[in-house]
Amino acid sequence: MEFEVGDVLTLEDNKDYVVSQNKLVEGFYYMLLIELPDYKSFKFVKVIDNDNLEEIDDIDKVEELSAIFQKREA
């Protein structure tokens, strides 16, 4: 995957986000993005390829990813 923790991305909403975490889940890479500059909002995105990201809007999937991203790696 081309995106690394700490990378800053500008999405279609013309806002900047920093990659906070990325994880492989069920064969797909997902990233937790935190909005800059105030770090008050976040979103999960699925990496389709290095040029395309899909924002996760489904609340059930957001909750599932939240639980996965909160788990500490052993």
Foldseek 3Di string as FASTA:
>chain_A
DPADAQDWDQDPVRWIWGFHDWDQDPNWIKTWTATPDPSPDIWIWIDPDPVDIHTDDPPVVVVVVVVVVPDDDD
